[in-house]
């Protein structure tokens, strides 16, 4: 079963952006750095999903490039999948364009893969393996 895991939001400053969520009374996770993506992030649980605030830690970060081109806002939608390797294999066999050829490990140790916007209706789609395995 697929569910929305989180919505990734690119921000210039987590410190500035998280204020509205704190004012709403939402809990914000401690900051975490994902070196491979060159980002700092926090997660904000909202119901059964989360919001992910992403701040670049280098100018070469994909988030820094996104901010320079589009400004702050929705960066990606993340779906939780039961078996990431099987889903990726199926997508590759059907000619779906992926951002990379390898499954990566990100925040909190979760495994993920991005589907290129050209294969997902203009949306960057992240697939995250369910922790219920």
Protein backbone atom coordinates (compact mmCIF):
# COMPACT_ATOMS: atom_id res chain seq x y z
CA UNK A 1 0.00 0.00 0.00
CA UNK A 2 1.28 3.45 -0.90
CA UNK A 3 0.81 6.45 1.39
CA UNK A 4 2.09 10.01 1.41
CA UNK A 5 5.19 9.95 3.59
CA UNK A 6 5.93 13.68 3.46
CA UNK A 7 5.94 16.87 1.44
CA UNK A 8 9.41 18.38 0.97
CA UNK A 9 9.53 22.18 1.20
CA UNK A 10 12.64 24.11 0.12
CA UNK A 11 13.42 27.04 2.43
CA UNK A 12 16.25 29.54 2.71
CA UNK A 13 16.25 29.25 6.50
CA UNK A 14 14.70 26.56 8.67
CA UNK A 15 14.89 28.92 11.64
CA UNK A 16 12.72 31.47 9.84
CA UNK A 17 10.37 29.00 8.15
CA UNK A 18 9.50 26.85 11.15
CA UNK A 19 7.89 29.72 13.07
CA UNK A 20 4.44 29.32 11.53
CA UNK A 21 4.38 25.61 12.39
CA UNK A 22 5.44 26.32 15.99
CA UNK A 23 2.68 28.93 16.24
CA UNK A 24 0.22 26.27 15.10
CA UNK A 25 1.43 24.07 17.97
CA UNK A 26 3.08 21.43 15.79
CA UNK A 27 6.14 19.59 17.05
CA UNK A 28 9.34 19.97 15.08
CA UNK A 29 12.04 17.31 15.03
CA UNK A 30 15.66 18.15 15.84
CA UNK A 31 17.66 19.33 12.83
CA UNK A 32 19.42 16.64 10.84
CA UNK A 33 22.03 16.94 8.10
CA UNK A 34 22.05 14.69 5.05
CA UNK A 35 25.57 15.07 3.64
CA UNK A 36 24.80 13.24 0.40
CA UNK A 37 22.16 15.83 -0.51
CA UNK A 38 23.97 18.76 1.18
CA UNK A 39 20.89 19.75 3.19
CA UNK A 40 19.79 20.41 6.71
CA UNK A 41 16.24 19.36 7.49
CA UNK A 42 13.52 19.08 10.09
CA UNK A 43 10.38 16.96 10.01
CA UNK A 44 7.01 18.19 11.22
CA UNK A 45 4.42 15.45 11.84
CA UNK A 46 0.96 16.33 10.52
CA UNK A 47 -1.58 13.53 10.94
CA UNK A 48 -0.24 10.38 9.32
CA UNK A 49 2.19 12.35 7.14
CA UNK A 50 4.91 14.96 7.67
CA UNK A 51 6.24 18.20 6.28
CA UNK A 52 9.99 18.29 5.61
CA UNK A 53 11.70 21.68 5.64
CA UNK A 54 14.91 21.57 3.58
CA UNK A 55 17.69 24.17 3.84
CA UNK A 56 20.82 23.93 1.68
CA UNK A 57 24.18 23.71 3.44
CA UNK A 58 26.18 24.34 0.26
CA UNK A 59 25.70 26.26 -2.96
CA UNK A 60 26.04 23.00 -4.94
CA UNK A 61 23.11 21.38 -3.12
CA UNK A 62 20.07 20.43 -5.23
CA UNK A 63 17.99 22.53 -2.81
CA UNK A 64 20.26 25.58 -3.36
CA UNK A 65 19.80 25.19 -7.12
CA UNK A 66 16.04 24.83 -6.68
CA UNK A 67 15.87 27.97 -4.52
CA UNK A 68 17.94 29.96 -7.03
CA UNK A 69 15.67 28.92 -9.90
CA UNK A 70 12.21 28.80 -8.29
CA UNK A 71 12.43 30.31 -4.80
CA UNK A 72 11.00 28.81 -1.65
CA UNK A 73 8.15 26.34 -1.90
CA UNK A 74 7.10 22.77 -2.54
CA UNK A 75 10.11 20.77 -3.71
CA UNK A 76 8.82 17.19 -3.81
CA UNK A 77 6.11 14.73 -2.84
CA UNK A 78 7.23 11.57 -1.10
CA UNK A 79 5.33 8.29 -1.27
CA UNK A 80 5.92 5.46 1.17
CA UNK A 81 6.22 2.12 -0.65
CA UNK A 82 6.40 -1.39 0.83
CA UNK A 83 9.34 -2.72 -1.23
CA UNK A 84 11.46 0.02 -2.79
CA UNK A 85 13.76 -2.30 -4.74
CA UNK A 86 10.80 -4.04 -6.39
CA UNK A 87 9.11 -0.72 -7.25
CA UNK A 88 12.33 0.70 -8.71
CA UNK A 89 12.92 -2.46 -10.76
CA UNK A 90 9.37 -2.26 -12.16
CA UNK A 91 9.69 1.44 -12.99
CA UNK A 92 13.04 0.91 -14.76
CA UNK A 93 11.60 -1.96 -16.79
CA UNK A 94 8.75 0.33 -17.90
CA UNK A 95 11.13 3.10 -19.00
CA UNK A 96 10.42 5.55 -16.18
CA UNK A 97 13.17 8.16 -15.83
CA UNK A 98 14.79 8.16 -12.38
CA UNK A 99 17.03 10.89 -10.98
CA UNK A 100 19.76 8.38 -10.12
CA UNK A 101 20.44 4.70 -10.70
CA UNK A 102 21.00 3.83 -7.05
CA UNK A 103 18.75 3.65 -4.03
CA UNK A 104 20.14 6.06 -1.42
CA UNK A 105 19.96 6.32 2.37
CA UNK A 106 18.71 9.61 3.78
CA UNK A 107 17.36 11.26 6.91
CA UNK A 108 16.58 8.86 9.71
CA UNK A 109 18.28 6.06 7.77
CA UNK A 110 15.41 5.58 5.33
CA UNK A 111 16.01 4.26 1.81
CA UNK A 112 14.79 6.45 -1.05
CA UNK A 113 14.82 7.09 -4.80
CA UNK A 114 13.60 10.05 -6.84
CA UNK A 115 11.49 9.80 -10.00
CA UNK A 116 12.36 12.57 -12.47
CA UNK A 117 9.64 15.20 -12.98
CA UNK A 118 9.56 14.38 -16.71
CA UNK A 119 8.08 10.98 -15.80
CA UNK A 120 5.77 12.26 -13.05
CA UNK A 121 3.69 15.04 -14.54
CA UNK A 122 6.20 17.76 -13.71
CA UNK A 123 6.49 16.80 -10.03
CA UNK A 124 9.65 15.53 -8.36
CA UNK A 125 8.44 12.30 -6.78
CA UNK A 126 10.38 10.63 -3.98
CA UNK A 127 9.78 6.98 -3.16
CA UNK A 128 10.62 6.03 0.42
CA UNK A 129 10.71 2.49 1.70
CA UNK A 130 8.20 1.79 4.46
CA UNK A 131 9.70 1.11 7.87
CA UNK A 132 7.02 -1.53 8.48
CA UNK A 133 9.20 -4.20 6.84
